[in-house]
Amino acid sequence: MTTKKKATRKKAPANKADAKATPAQDNPHLSPRFWKIMWILCGTTVLLELFVHRHPHFVIEKGEPATLPDMSNSVLATMSNWFGFYGVYGLLACVGSVLFAKGLSVFLKAGEDYYDGTP
């Protein structure tokens, strides 16, 4: 008969001196300075988007075969010129990837007794 091991957590240090002795990789806390820098960088990129000239996408140049469709009036070409499109697109792609991985984990999850027979 196998016995299950009880999951335990590391106990938090009693004082701050012990907390500072742990390596940074063991301490997942991010400083407020980090978040301020991130907000400033994100705000700067959004403001710079107002001043960046966007080149048209999907434009078929002269001299190419006429069999290709003209994509300059497509929905994607129009949307890619909206303010903040690439930020929203990146956010939706990230959220979609996480949701896809969560759904995939249902099929790839190991059974509850998967490791029971190992030494």
PDB file of N, CA and C in Angstrom:
ATOM      1  N   MET A   1       0.850  -1.185   0.000  1.00  0.00           N
ATOM      2  CA  MET A   1       0.000   0.000   0.000  1.00  0.00           C
ATOM      3  C   MET A   1       0.889   1.240   0.000  1.00  0.00           C
ATOM      4  N   THR A   2       0.556   2.167  -0.845  1.00  0.00           N
ATOM      5  CA  THR A   2       1.357   3.379  -0.918  1.00  0.00           C
ATOM      6  C   THR A   2       0.726   4.460  -0.058  1.00  0.00           C
ATOM      7  N   THR A   3       1.585   5.243   0.524  1.00  0.00           N
ATOM      8  CA  THR A   3       1.094   6.368   1.323  1.00  0.00           C
ATOM      9  C   THR A   3       1.319   7.640   0.550  1.00  0.00           C
ATOM     10  N   LYS A   4       0.396   8.530   0.682  1.00  0.00           N
ATOM     11  CA  LYS A   4       0.522   9.811  -0.009  1.00  0.00           C
ATOM     12  C   LYS A   4       1.300  10.782   0.863  1.00  0.00           C
ATOM     13  N   LYS A   5       2.193  11.501   0.218  1.00  0.00           N
ATOM     14  CA  LYS A   5       2.951  12.516   0.943  1.00  0.00           C
ATOM     15  C   LYS A   5       2.105  13.756   1.093  1.00  0.00           C
ATOM     16  N   LYS A   6       2.227  14.361   2.235  1.00  0.00           N
ATOM     17  CA  LYS A   6       1.477  15.579   2.502  1.00  0.00           C
ATOM     18  C   LYS A   6       2.225  16.765   1.895  1.00  0.00           C
ATOM     19  N   ALA A   7       1.497  17.592   1.152  1.00  0.00           N
ATOM     20  CA  ALA A   7       2.110  18.777   0.551  1.00  0.00           C
ATOM     21  C   ALA A   7       2.416  19.788   1.640  1.00  0.00           C
ATOM     22  N   THR A   8       3.629  20.290   1.639  1.00  0.00           N
ATOM     23  CA  THR A   8       4.017  21.285   2.641  1.00  0.00           C
ATOM     24  C   THR A   8       4.543  22.514   1.951  1.00  0.00           C
ATOM     25  N   ARG A   9       4.453  23.604   2.617  1.00  0.00           N
ATOM     26  CA  ARG A   9       4.989  24.875   2.133  1.00  0.00           C
ATOM     27  C   ARG A   9       6.167  25.286   2.978  1.00  0.00           C
ATOM     28  N   LYS A  10       7.054  26.029   2.349  1.00  0.00           N
ATOM     29  CA  LYS A  10       8.126  26.621   3.141  1.00  0.00           C
ATOM     30  C   LYS A  10       7.525  27.669   4.054  1.00  0.00           C
ATOM     31  N   LYS A  11       7.991  27.680   5.256  1.00  0.00           N
ATOM     32  CA  LYS A  11       7.485  28.683   6.185  1.00  0.00           C
ATOM     33  C   LYS A  11       8.125  30.025   5.890  1.00  0.00           C
ATOM     34  N   ALA A  12       7.322  31.063   6.006  1.00  0.00           N
ATOM     35  CA  ALA A  12       7.822  32.418   5.777  1.00  0.00           C
ATOM     36  C   ALA A  12       8.768  32.798   6.907  1.00  0.00           C
ATOM     37  N   PRO A  13       9.828  33.531   6.600  1.00  0.00           N
ATOM     38  CA  PRO A  13      10.759  33.951   7.649  1.00  0.00           C
ATOM     39  C   PRO A  13      10.062  34.862   8.650  1.00  0.00           C
ATOM     40  N   ALA A  14      10.491  34.737   9.882  1.00  0.00           N
ATOM     41  CA  ALA A  14       9.858  35.491  10.965  1.00  0.00           C
ATOM     42  C   ALA A  14      10.199  36.975  10.905  1.00  0.00           C
ATOM     43  N   ASN A  15      11.399  37.311  10.468  1.00  0.00           N
ATOM     44  CA  ASN A  15      11.758  38.730  10.419  1.00  0.00           C
ATOM     45  C   ASN A  15      12.247  39.104   9.022  1.00  0.00           C
ATOM     46  N   LYS A  16      12.373  40.388   8.789  1.00  0.00           N
ATOM     47  CA  LYS A  16      12.743  40.876   7.456  1.00  0.00           C
ATOM     48  C   LYS A  16      14.191  40.577   7.102  1.00  0.00           C
ATOM     49  N   ALA A  17      15.052  40.429   8.072  1.00  0.00           N
ATOM     50  CA  ALA A  17      16.456  40.137   7.797  1.00  0.00           C
ATOM     51  C   ALA A  17      16.587  38.774   7.132  1.00  0.00           C
ATOM     52  N   ASP A  18      15.792  37.807   7.577  1.00  0.00           N
ATOM     53  CA  ASP A  18      15.827  36.487   6.950  1.00  0.00           C
ATOM     54  C   ASP A  18      15.219  36.524   5.556  1.00  0.00           C
ATOM     55  N   ALA A  19      14.228  37.374   5.356  1.00  0.00           N
ATOM     56  CA  ALA A  19      13.573  37.473   4.058  1.00  0.00           C
ATOM     57  C   ALA A  19      14.523  38.024   3.001  1.00  0.00           C
ATOM     58  N   LYS A  20      15.394  38.941   3.368  1.00  0.00           N
ATOM     59  CA  LYS A  20      16.331  39.535   2.416  1.00  0.00           C
ATOM     60  C   LYS A  20      17.446  38.563   2.046  1.00  0.00           C
ATOM     61  N   ALA A  21      17.681  37.547   2.870  1.00  0.00           N
ATOM     62  CA  ALA A  21      18.761  36.614   2.616  1.00  0.00           C
ATOM     63  C   ALA A  21      18.418  35.630   1.499  1.00  0.00           C
ATOM     64  N   THR A  22      17.133  35.480   1.161  1.00  0.00           N
ATOM     65  CA  THR A  22      16.760  34.536   0.115  1.00  0.00           C
ATOM     66  C   THR A  22      17.113  35.107  -1.250  1.00  0.00           C
ATOM     67  N   PRO A  23      17.489  34.253  -2.193  1.00  0.00           N
ATOM     68  CA  PRO A  23      17.809  34.735  -3.540  1.00  0.00           C
ATOM     69  C   PRO A  23      16.581  35.330  -4.219  1.00  0.00           C
ATOM     70  N   ALA A  24      16.820  36.165  -5.218  1.00  0.00           N
ATOM     71  CA  ALA A  24      15.730  36.848  -5.913  1.00  0.00           C
ATOM     72  C   ALA A  24      14.816  35.864  -6.625  1.00  0.00           C
ATOM     73  N   GLN A  25      15.337  34.750  -7.086  1.00  0.00           N
ATOM     74  CA  GLN A  25      14.500  33.793  -7.802  1.00  0.00           C
ATOM     75  C   GLN A  25      13.503  33.105  -6.883  1.00  0.00           C
ATOM     76  N   ASP A  26      13.794  33.053  -5.583  1.00  0.00           N
ATOM     77  CA  ASP A  26      12.863  32.453  -4.637  1.00  0.00           C
ATOM     78  C   ASP A  26      11.825  33.443  -4.139  1.00  0.00           C
ATOM     79  N   ASN A  27      12.046  34.714  -4.381  1.00  0.00           N
ATOM     80  CA  ASN A  27      11.142  35.752  -3.907  1.00  0.00           C
ATOM     81  C   ASN A  27      10.396  36.338  -5.104  1.00  0.00           C
ATOM     82  N   PRO A  28       9.123  35.991  -5.320  1.00  0.00           N
ATOM     83  CA  PRO A  28       8.414  36.447  -6.515  1.00  0.00           C
ATOM     84  C   PRO A  28       7.916  37.888  -6.452  1.00  0.00           C
ATOM     85  N   HIS A  29       8.162  38.593  -5.362  1.00  0.00           N
ATOM     86  CA  HIS A  29       7.670  39.969  -5.221  1.00  0.00           C
ATOM     87  C   HIS A  29       8.437  40.912  -6.139  1.00  0.00           C
ATOM     88  N   LEU A  30       7.704  41.739  -6.882  1.00  0.00           N
ATOM     89  CA  LEU A  30       8.323  42.751  -7.736  1.00  0.00           C
ATOM     90  C   LEU A  30       8.163  44.101  -7.064  1.00  0.00           C
ATOM     91  N   SER A  31       9.187  44.894  -7.127  1.00  0.00           N
ATOM     92  CA  SER A  31       9.164  46.172  -6.432  1.00  0.00           C
ATOM     93  C   SER A  31       8.248  47.171  -7.137  1.00  0.00           C
ATOM     94  N   PRO A  32       7.746  48.152  -6.403  1.00  0.00           N
ATOM     95  CA  PRO A  32       6.923  49.197  -7.024  1.00  0.00           C
ATOM     96  C   PRO A  32       7.691  49.985  -8.086  1.00  0.00           C
ATOM     97  N   ARG A  33       8.996  50.068  -7.936  1.00  0.00           N
ATOM     98  CA  ARG A  33       9.816  50.769  -8.930  1.00  0.00           C
ATOM     99  C   ARG A  33       9.707  50.080 -10.297  1.00  0.00           C
ATOM    100  N   PHE A  34       9.724  48.751 -10.289  1.00  0.00           N
ATOM    101  CA  PHE A  34       9.576  47.985 -11.530  1.00  0.00           C
ATOM    102  C   PHE A  34       8.263  48.337 -12.216  1.00  0.00           C
ATOM    103  N   TRP A  35       7.157  48.376 -11.456  1.00  0.00           N
ATOM    104  CA  TRP A  35       5.849  48.669 -12.040  1.00  0.00           C
ATOM    105  C   TRP A  35       5.767  50.105 -12.552  1.00  0.00           C
ATOM    106  N   LYS A  36       6.403  51.043 -11.875  1.00  0.00           N
ATOM    107  CA  LYS A  36       6.430  52.427 -12.363  1.00  0.00           C
ATOM    108  C   LYS A  36       7.156  52.507 -13.707  1.00  0.00           C
ATOM    109  N   ILE A  37       8.283  51.810 -13.798  1.00  0.00           N
ATOM    110  CA  ILE A  37       9.038  51.804 -15.053  1.00  0.00           C
ATOM    111  C   ILE A  37       8.212  51.174 -16.167  1.00  0.00           C
ATOM    112  N   MET A  38       7.513  50.079 -15.862  1.00  0.00           N
ATOM    113  CA  MET A  38       6.674  49.425 -16.873  1.00  0.00           C
ATOM    114  C   MET A  38       5.558  50.353 -17.343  1.00  0.00           C
ATOM    115  N   TRP A  39       4.898  51.060 -16.424  1.00  0.00           N
ATOM    116  CA  TRP A  39       3.816  51.978 -16.801  1.00  0.00           C
ATOM    117  C   TRP A  39       4.354  53.123 -17.657  1.00  0.00           C
ATOM    118  N   ILE A  40       5.532  53.619 -17.324  1.00  0.00           N
ATOM    119  CA  ILE A  40       6.128  54.704 -18.105  1.00  0.00           C
ATOM    120  C   ILE A  40       6.467  54.209 -19.517  1.00  0.00           C
ATOM    121  N   LEU A  41       7.046  53.021 -19.621  1.00  0.00           N
ATOM    122  CA  LEU A  41       7.369  52.470 -20.939  1.00  0.00           C
ATOM    123  C   LEU A  41       6.114  52.229 -21.773  1.00  0.00           C
ATOM    124  N   CYS A  42       5.072  51.686 -21.156  1.00  0.00           N
ATOM    125  CA  CYS A  42       3.828  51.449 -21.895  1.00  0.00           C
ATOM    126  C   CYS A  42       3.189  52.763 -22.344  1.00  0.00           C
ATOM    127  N   GLY A  43       3.173  53.747 -21.464  1.00  0.00           N
ATOM    128  CA  GLY A  43       2.617  55.047 -21.827  1.00  0.00           C
ATOM    129  C   GLY A  43       3.406  55.715 -22.939  1.00  0.00           C
ATOM    130  N   THR A  44       4.733  55.581 -22.884  1.00  0.00           N
ATOM    131  CA  THR A  44       5.578  56.162 -23.917  1.00  0.00           C
ATOM    132  C   THR A  44       5.305  55.529 -25.277  1.00  0.00           C
ATOM    133  N   THR A  45       5.165  54.227 -25.315  1.00  0.00           N
ATOM    134  CA  THR A  45       4.900  53.580 -26.599  1.00  0.00           C
ATOM    135  C   THR A  45       3.532  53.962 -27.152  1.00  0.00           C
ATOM    136  N   VAL A  46       2.553  54.151 -26.284  1.00  0.00           N
ATOM    137  CA  VAL A  46       1.226  54.577 -26.752  1.00  0.00           C
ATOM    138  C   VAL A  46       1.299  56.001 -27.294  1.00  0.00           C
ATOM    139  N   LEU A  47       2.013  56.881 -26.615  1.00  0.00           N
ATOM    140  CA  LEU A  47       2.153  58.254 -27.104  1.00  0.00           C
ATOM    141  C   LEU A  47       2.951  58.316 -28.407  1.00  0.00           C
ATOM    142  N   LEU A  48       3.975  57.495 -28.522  1.00  0.00           N
ATOM    143  CA  LEU A  48       4.761  57.487 -29.756  1.00  0.00           C
ATOM    144  C   LEU A  48       3.951  56.999 -30.945  1.00  0.00           C
ATOM    145  N   GLU A  49       2.934  56.211 -30.679  1.00  0.00           N
ATOM    146  CA  GLU A  49       2.097  55.719 -31.772  1.00  0.00           C
ATOM    147  C   GLU A  49       1.368  56.867 -32.479  1.00  0.00           C
ATOM    148  N   LEU A  50       1.141  57.946 -31.770  1.00  0.00           N
ATOM    149  CA  LEU A  50       0.490  59.108 -32.383  1.00  0.00           C
ATOM    150  C   LEU A  50       1.368  59.770 -33.439  1.00  0.00           C
ATOM    151  N   PHE A  51       2.680  59.644 -33.291  1.00  0.00           N
ATOM    152  CA  PHE A  51       3.612  60.356 -34.159  1.00  0.00           C
ATOM    153  C   PHE A  51       4.282  59.477 -35.206  1.00  0.00           C
ATOM    154  N   VAL A  52       4.024  58.178 -35.183  1.00  0.00           N
ATOM    155  CA  VAL A  52       4.670  57.258 -36.119  1.00  0.00           C
ATOM    156  C   VAL A  52       3.855  57.202 -37.405  1.00  0.00           C
ATOM    157  N   HIS A  53       4.559  57.369 -38.520  1.00  0.00           N
ATOM    158  CA  HIS A  53       3.892  57.263 -39.818  1.00  0.00           C
ATOM    159  C   HIS A  53       3.787  55.791 -40.175  1.00  0.00           C
ATOM    160  N   ARG A  54       2.591  55.359 -40.486  1.00  0.00           N
ATOM    161  CA  ARG A  54       2.377  53.959 -40.839  1.00  0.00           C
ATOM    162  C   ARG A  54       2.379  53.808 -42.351  1.00  0.00           C
ATOM    163  N   HIS A  55       3.146  52.856 -42.804  1.00  0.00           N
ATOM    164  CA  HIS A  55       3.153  52.551 -44.221  1.00  0.00           C
ATOM    165  C   HIS A  55       1.972  51.640 -44.522  1.00  0.00           C
ATOM    166  N   PRO A  56       1.357  51.790 -45.683  1.00  0.00           N
ATOM    167  CA  PRO A  56       0.210  50.932 -46.001  1.00  0.00           C
ATOM    168  C   PRO A  56       0.633  49.473 -46.146  1.00  0.00           C
ATOM    169  N   HIS A  57      -0.219  48.590 -45.671  1.00  0.00           N
ATOM    170  CA  HIS A  57       0.037  47.162 -45.778  1.00  0.00           C
ATOM    171  C   HIS A  57      -0.807  46.582 -46.910  1.00  0.00           C
ATOM    172  N   PHE A  58      -0.383  45.474 -47.414  1.00  0.00           N
ATOM    173  CA  PHE A  58      -1.133  44.705 -48.398  1.00  0.00           C
ATOM    174  C   PHE A  58      -1.373  45.451 -49.707  1.00  0.00           C
ATOM    175  N   VAL A  59      -0.522  46.382 -50.046  1.00  0.00           N
ATOM    176  CA  VAL A  59      -0.687  47.107 -51.298  1.00  0.00           C
ATOM    177  C   VAL A  59       0.051  46.339 -52.392  1.00  0.00           C
ATOM    178  N   ILE A  60      -0.661  46.058 -53.473  1.00  0.00           N
ATOM    179  CA  ILE A  60      -0.050  45.366 -54.601  1.00  0.00           C
ATOM    180  C   ILE A  60       0.629  46.423 -55.469  1.00  0.00           C
ATOM    181  N   GLU A  61       1.931  46.264 -55.632  1.00  0.00           N
ATOM    182  CA  GLU A  61       2.682  47.251 -56.406  1.00  0.00           C
ATOM    183  C   GLU A  61       2.457  47.040 -57.894  1.00  0.00           C
ATOM    184  N   LYS A  62       2.711  48.099 -58.649  1.00  0.00           N
ATOM    185  CA  LYS A  62       2.582  48.012 -60.108  1.00  0.00           C
ATOM    186  C   LYS A  62       3.629  47.054 -60.642  1.00  0.00           C
ATOM    187  N   GLY A  63       3.264  46.374 -61.691  1.00  0.00           N
ATOM    188  CA  GLY A  63       4.178  45.425 -62.298  1.00  0.00           C
ATOM    189  C   GLY A  63       3.929  43.998 -61.856  1.00  0.00           C
ATOM    190  N   GLU A  64       3.137  43.808 -60.799  1.00  0.00           N
ATOM    191  CA  GLU A  64       2.816  42.450 -60.369  1.00  0.00           C
ATOM    192  C   GLU A  64       1.650  41.929 -61.192  1.00  0.00           C
ATOM    193  N   PRO A  65       1.479  40.649 -61.245  1.00  0.00           N
ATOM    194  CA  PRO A  65       0.369  40.087 -62.040  1.00  0.00           C
ATOM    195  C   PRO A  65      -0.982  40.600 -61.543  1.00  0.00           C
ATOM    196  N   ALA A  66      -1.868  40.845 -62.463  1.00  0.00           N
ATOM    197  CA  ALA A  66      -3.184  41.399 -62.136  1.00  0.00           C
ATOM    198  C   ALA A  66      -4.107  40.359 -61.509  1.00  0.00           C
ATOM    199  N   THR A  67      -3.669  39.112 -61.423  1.00  0.00           N
ATOM    200  CA  THR A  67      -4.515  38.060 -60.854  1.00  0.00           C
ATOM    201  C   THR A  67      -4.609  38.157 -59.334  1.00  0.00           C
ATOM    202  N   LEU A  68      -3.665  38.865 -58.707  1.00  0.00           N
ATOM    203  CA  LEU A  68      -3.703  39.009 -57.255  1.00  0.00           C
ATOM    204  C   LEU A  68      -4.773  40.031 -56.858  1.00  0.00           C
ATOM    205  N   PRO A  69      -5.531  39.776 -55.802  1.00  0.00           N
ATOM    206  CA  PRO A  69      -6.566  40.725 -55.403  1.00  0.00           C
ATOM    207  C   PRO A  69      -5.959  41.974 -54.768  1.00  0.00           C
ATOM    208  N   ASP A  70      -6.651  43.074 -54.894  1.00  0.00           N
ATOM    209  CA  ASP A  70      -6.210  44.322 -54.275  1.00  0.00           C
ATOM    210  C   ASP A  70      -6.621  44.285 -52.808  1.00  0.00           C
ATOM    211  N   MET A  71      -5.620  44.189 -51.920  1.00  0.00           N
ATOM    212  CA  MET A  71      -5.889  44.048 -50.492  1.00  0.00           C
ATOM    213  C   MET A  71      -5.869  45.381 -49.749  1.00  0.00           C
ATOM    214  N   SER A  72      -5.638  46.478 -50.444  1.00  0.00           N
ATOM    215  CA  SER A  72      -5.507  47.760 -49.752  1.00  0.00           C
ATOM    216  C   SER A  72      -6.824  48.238 -49.156  1.00  0.00           C
ATOM    217  N   ASN A  73      -7.954  47.741 -49.626  1.00  0.00           N
ATOM    218  CA  ASN A  73      -9.253  48.135 -49.079  1.00  0.00           C
ATOM    219  C   ASN A  73      -9.864  47.042 -48.213  1.00  0.00           C
ATOM    220  N   SER A  74      -9.071  46.065 -47.795  1.00  0.00           N
ATOM    221  CA  SER A  74      -9.599  44.968 -46.991  1.00  0.00           C
ATOM    222  C   SER A  74      -9.824  45.424 -45.548  1.00  0.00           C
ATOM    223  N   VAL A  75     -10.553  44.628 -44.824  1.00  0.00           N
ATOM    224  CA  VAL A  75     -10.853  44.933 -43.420  1.00  0.00           C
ATOM    225  C   VAL A  75      -9.575  44.948 -42.592  1.00  0.00           C
ATOM    226  N   LEU A  76      -8.698  43.970 -42.796  1.00  0.00           N
ATOM    227  CA  LEU A  76      -7.456  43.896 -42.031  1.00  0.00           C
ATOM    228  C   LEU A  76      -6.556  45.096 -42.304  1.00  0.00           C
ATOM    229  N   ALA A  77      -6.477  45.523 -43.556  1.00  0.00           N
ATOM    230  CA  ALA A  77      -5.652  46.685 -43.883  1.00  0.00           C
ATOM    231  C   ALA A  77      -6.217  47.944 -43.237  1.00  0.00           C
ATOM    232  N   THR A  78      -7.539  48.052 -43.165  1.00  0.00           N
ATOM    233  CA  THR A  78      -8.159  49.219 -42.541  1.00  0.00           C
ATOM    234  C   THR A  78      -7.970  49.190 -41.032  1.00  0.00           C
ATOM    235  N   MET A  79      -8.163  48.024 -40.422  1.00  0.00           N
ATOM    236  CA  MET A  79      -8.040  47.911 -38.963  1.00  0.00           C
ATOM    237  C   MET A  79      -6.613  48.127 -38.490  1.00  0.00           C
ATOM    238  N   SER A  80      -5.635  47.747 -39.287  1.00  0.00           N
ATOM    239  CA  SER A  80      -4.245  47.873 -38.846  1.00  0.00           C
ATOM    240  C   SER A  80      -3.803  49.326 -38.742  1.00  0.00           C
ATOM    241  N   ASN A  81      -4.590  50.256 -39.242  1.00  0.00           N
ATOM    242  CA  ASN A  81      -4.270  51.674 -39.117  1.00  0.00           C
ATOM    243  C   ASN A  81      -4.990  52.341 -37.955  1.00  0.00           C
ATOM    244  N   TRP A  82      -5.781  51.603 -37.215  1.00  0.00           N
ATOM    245  CA  TRP A  82      -6.454  52.175 -36.047  1.00  0.00           C
ATOM    246  C   TRP A  82      -5.451  52.431 -34.938  1.00  0.00           C
ATOM    247  N   PHE A  83      -5.748  53.430 -34.125  1.00  0.00           N
ATOM    248  CA  PHE A  83      -4.901  53.742 -32.979  1.00  0.00           C
ATOM    249  C   PHE A  83      -5.013  52.611 -31.956  1.00  0.00           C
ATOM    250  N   GLY A  84      -3.902  52.057 -31.545  1.00  0.00           N
ATOM    251  CA  GLY A  84      -3.876  51.005 -30.538  1.00  0.00           C
ATOM    252  C   GLY A  84      -4.205  49.623 -31.059  1.00  0.00           C
ATOM    253  N   PHE A  85      -4.286  49.453 -32.373  1.00  0.00           N
ATOM    254  CA  PHE A  85      -4.651  48.144 -32.933  1.00  0.00           C
ATOM    255  C   PHE A  85      -3.662  47.062 -32.531  1.00  0.00           C
ATOM    256  N   TYR A  86      -2.367  47.337 -32.641  1.00  0.00           N
ATOM    257  CA  TYR A  86      -1.379  46.302 -32.361  1.00  0.00           C
ATOM    258  C   TYR A  86      -1.296  45.964 -30.880  1.00  0.00           C
ATOM    259  N   GLY A  87      -1.581  46.911 -30.013  1.00  0.00           N
ATOM    260  CA  GLY A  87      -1.644  46.613 -28.583  1.00  0.00           C
ATOM    261  C   GLY A  87      -2.811  45.700 -28.255  1.00  0.00           C
ATOM    262  N   VAL A  88      -3.983  46.005 -28.814  1.00  0.00           N
ATOM    263  CA  VAL A  88      -5.164  45.168 -28.596  1.00  0.00           C
ATOM    264  C   VAL A  88      -4.967  43.801 -29.240  1.00  0.00           C
ATOM    265  N   TYR A  89      -4.388  43.783 -30.415  1.00  0.00           N
ATOM    266  CA  TYR A  89      -4.122  42.528 -31.111  1.00  0.00           C
ATOM    267  C   TYR A  89      -3.181  41.641 -30.286  1.00  0.00           C
ATOM    268  N   GLY A  90      -2.140  42.222 -29.728  1.00  0.00           N
ATOM    269  CA  GLY A  90      -1.203  41.473 -28.885  1.00  0.00           C
ATOM    270  C   GLY A  90      -1.868  40.948 -27.627  1.00  0.00           C
ATOM    271  N   LEU A  91      -2.709  41.779 -27.000  1.00  0.00           N
ATOM    272  CA  LEU A  91      -3.414  41.353 -25.795  1.00  0.00           C
ATOM    273  C   LEU A  91      -4.362  40.198 -26.097  1.00  0.00           C
ATOM    274  N   LEU A  92      -5.119  40.299 -27.185  1.00  0.00           N
ATOM    275  CA  LEU A  92      -6.041  39.225 -27.557  1.00  0.00           C
ATOM    276  C   LEU A  92      -5.286  37.944 -27.930  1.00  0.00           C
ATOM    277  N   ALA A  93      -4.144  38.082 -28.585  1.00  0.00           N
ATOM    278  CA  ALA A  93      -3.344  36.904 -28.932  1.00  0.00           C
ATOM    279  C   ALA A  93      -2.818  36.223 -27.668  1.00  0.00           C
ATOM    280  N   CYS A  94      -2.398  37.008 -26.692  1.00  0.00           N
ATOM    281  CA  CYS A  94      -1.891  36.454 -25.434  1.00  0.00           C
ATOM    282  C   CYS A  94      -3.009  35.753 -24.666  1.00  0.00           C
ATOM    283  N   VAL A  95      -4.159  36.402 -24.542  1.00  0.00           N
ATOM    284  CA  VAL A  95      -5.293  35.804 -23.838  1.00  0.00           C
ATOM    285  C   VAL A  95      -5.745  34.540 -24.556  1.00  0.00           C
ATOM    286  N   GLY A  96      -5.786  34.582 -25.879  1.00  0.00           N
ATOM    287  CA  GLY A  96      -6.164  33.406 -26.652  1.00  0.00           C
ATOM    288  C   GLY A  96      -5.201  32.250 -26.453  1.00  0.00           C
ATOM    289  N   SER A  97      -3.909  32.554 -26.376  1.00  0.00           N
ATOM    290  CA  SER A  97      -2.911  31.504 -26.152  1.00  0.00           C
ATOM    291  C   SER A  97      -3.082  30.858 -24.785  1.00  0.00           C
ATOM    292  N   VAL A  98      -3.342  31.670 -23.768  1.00  0.00           N
ATOM    293  CA  VAL A  98      -3.545  31.133 -22.420  1.00  0.00           C
ATOM    294  C   VAL A  98      -4.795  30.264 -22.374  1.00  0.00           C
ATOM    295  N   LEU A  99      -5.885  30.737 -22.970  1.00  0.00           N
ATOM    296  CA  LEU A  99      -7.118  29.955 -22.973  1.00  0.00           C
ATOM    297  C   LEU A  99      -6.956  28.662 -23.761  1.00  0.00           C
ATOM    298  N   PHE A 100      -6.236  28.714 -24.864  1.00  0.00           N
ATOM    299  CA  PHE A 100      -5.960  27.514 -25.647  1.00  0.00           C
ATOM    300  C   PHE A 100      -5.153  26.511 -24.826  1.00  0.00           C
ATOM    301  N   ALA A 101      -4.148  26.991 -24.097  1.00  0.00           N
ATOM    302  CA  ALA A 101      -3.325  26.111 -23.270  1.00  0.00           C
ATOM    303  C   ALA A 101      -4.145  25.506 -22.131  1.00  0.00           C
ATOM    304  N   LYS A 102      -5.035  26.291 -21.545  1.00  0.00           N
ATOM    305  CA  LYS A 102      -5.909  25.761 -20.482  1.00  0.00           C
ATOM    306  C   LYS A 102      -6.797  24.658 -21.034  1.00  0.00           C
ATOM    307  N   GLY A 103      -7.368  24.877 -22.209  1.00  0.00           N
ATOM    308  CA  GLY A 103      -8.211  23.860 -22.826  1.00  0.00           C
ATOM    309  C   GLY A 103      -7.422  22.617 -23.196  1.00  0.00           C
ATOM    310  N   LEU A 104      -6.200  22.810 -23.670  1.00  0.00           N
ATOM    311  CA  LEU A 104      -5.352  21.692 -24.051  1.00  0.00           C
ATOM    312  C   LEU A 104      -4.917  20.886 -22.835  1.00  0.00           C
ATOM    313  N   SER A 105      -4.793  21.530 -21.688  1.00  0.00           N
ATOM    314  CA  SER A 105      -4.361  20.827 -20.481  1.00  0.00           C
ATOM    315  C   SER A 105      -5.388  19.787 -20.033  1.00  0.00           C
ATOM    316  N   VAL A 106      -6.635  19.965 -20.403  1.00  0.00           N
ATOM    317  CA  VAL A 106      -7.657  18.980 -20.054  1.00  0.00           C
ATOM    318  C   VAL A 106      -7.316  17.635 -20.710  1.00  0.00           C
ATOM    319  N   PHE A 107      -6.828  17.674 -21.938  1.00  0.00           N
ATOM    320  CA  PHE A 107      -6.516  16.450 -22.655  1.00  0.00           C
ATOM    321  C   PHE A 107      -5.133  15.898 -22.320  1.00  0.00           C
ATOM    322  N   LEU A 108      -4.210  16.739 -21.908  1.00  0.00           N
ATOM    323  CA  LEU A 108      -2.838  16.312 -21.673  1.00  0.00           C
ATOM    324  C   LEU A 108      -2.509  16.069 -20.204  1.00  0.00           C
ATOM    325  N   LYS A 109      -3.458  16.268 -19.334  1.00  0.00           N
ATOM    326  CA  LYS A 109      -3.208  16.142 -17.901  1.00  0.00           C
ATOM    327  C   LYS A 109      -2.914  14.689 -17.553  1.00  0.00           C
ATOM    328  N   ALA A 110      -1.892  14.472 -16.712  1.00  0.00           N
ATOM    329  CA  ALA A 110      -1.555  13.128 -16.264  1.00  0.00           C
ATOM    330  C   ALA A 110      -2.577  12.682 -15.223  1.00  0.00           C
ATOM    331  N   GLY A 111      -2.780  11.379 -15.158  1.00  0.00           N
ATOM    332  CA  GLY A 111      -3.720  10.821 -14.194  1.00  0.00           C
ATOM    333  C   GLY A 111      -3.275  11.076 -12.766  1.00  0.00           C
ATOM    334  N   GLU A 112      -4.202  10.964 -11.840  1.00  0.00           N
ATOM    335  CA  GLU A 112      -3.897  11.249 -10.438  1.00  0.00           C
ATOM    336  C   GLU A 112      -2.895  10.252  -9.867  1.00  0.00           C
ATOM    337  N   ASP A 113      -2.907   9.008 -10.352  1.00  0.00           N
ATOM    338  CA  ASP A 113      -2.005   7.992  -9.851  1.00  0.00           C
ATOM    339  C   ASP A 113      -0.819   7.747 -10.794  1.00  0.00           C
ATOM    340  N   TYR A 114      -0.463   8.701 -11.591  1.00  0.00           N
ATOM    341  CA  TYR A 114       0.579   8.552 -12.605  1.00  0.00           C
ATOM    342  C   TYR A 114       1.937   8.207 -11.996  1.00  0.00           C
ATOM    343  N   TYR A 115       2.285   8.828 -10.877  1.00  0.00           N
ATOM    344  CA  TYR A 115       3.604   8.641 -10.266  1.00  0.00           C
ATOM    345  C   TYR A 115       3.611   7.622  -9.139  1.00  0.00           C
ATOM    346  N   ASP A 116       2.548   6.901  -8.910  1.00  0.00           N
ATOM    347  CA  ASP A 116       2.483   6.005  -7.755  1.00  0.00           C
ATOM    348  C   ASP A 116       3.465   4.842  -7.816  1.00  0.00           C
ATOM    349  N   GLY A 117       3.778   4.318  -8.987  1.00  0.00           N
ATOM    350  CA  GLY A 117       4.644   3.149  -9.071  1.00  0.00           C
ATOM    351  C   GLY A 117       6.118   3.473  -9.143  1.00  0.00           C
ATOM    352  N   THR A 118       6.513   4.719  -9.037  1.00  0.00           N
ATOM    353  CA  THR A 118       7.925   5.080  -9.155  1.00  0.00           C
ATOM    354  C   THR A 118       8.627   4.975  -7.810  1.00  0.00           C
ATOM    355  N   PRO A 119       9.921   4.610  -7.801  1.00  0.00           N
ATOM    356  CA  PRO A 119      10.643   4.501  -6.521  1.00  0.00           C
ATOM    357  C   PRO A 119      10.929   5.828  -5.884  1.00  0.00           C
TER     358      PRO A 119
END
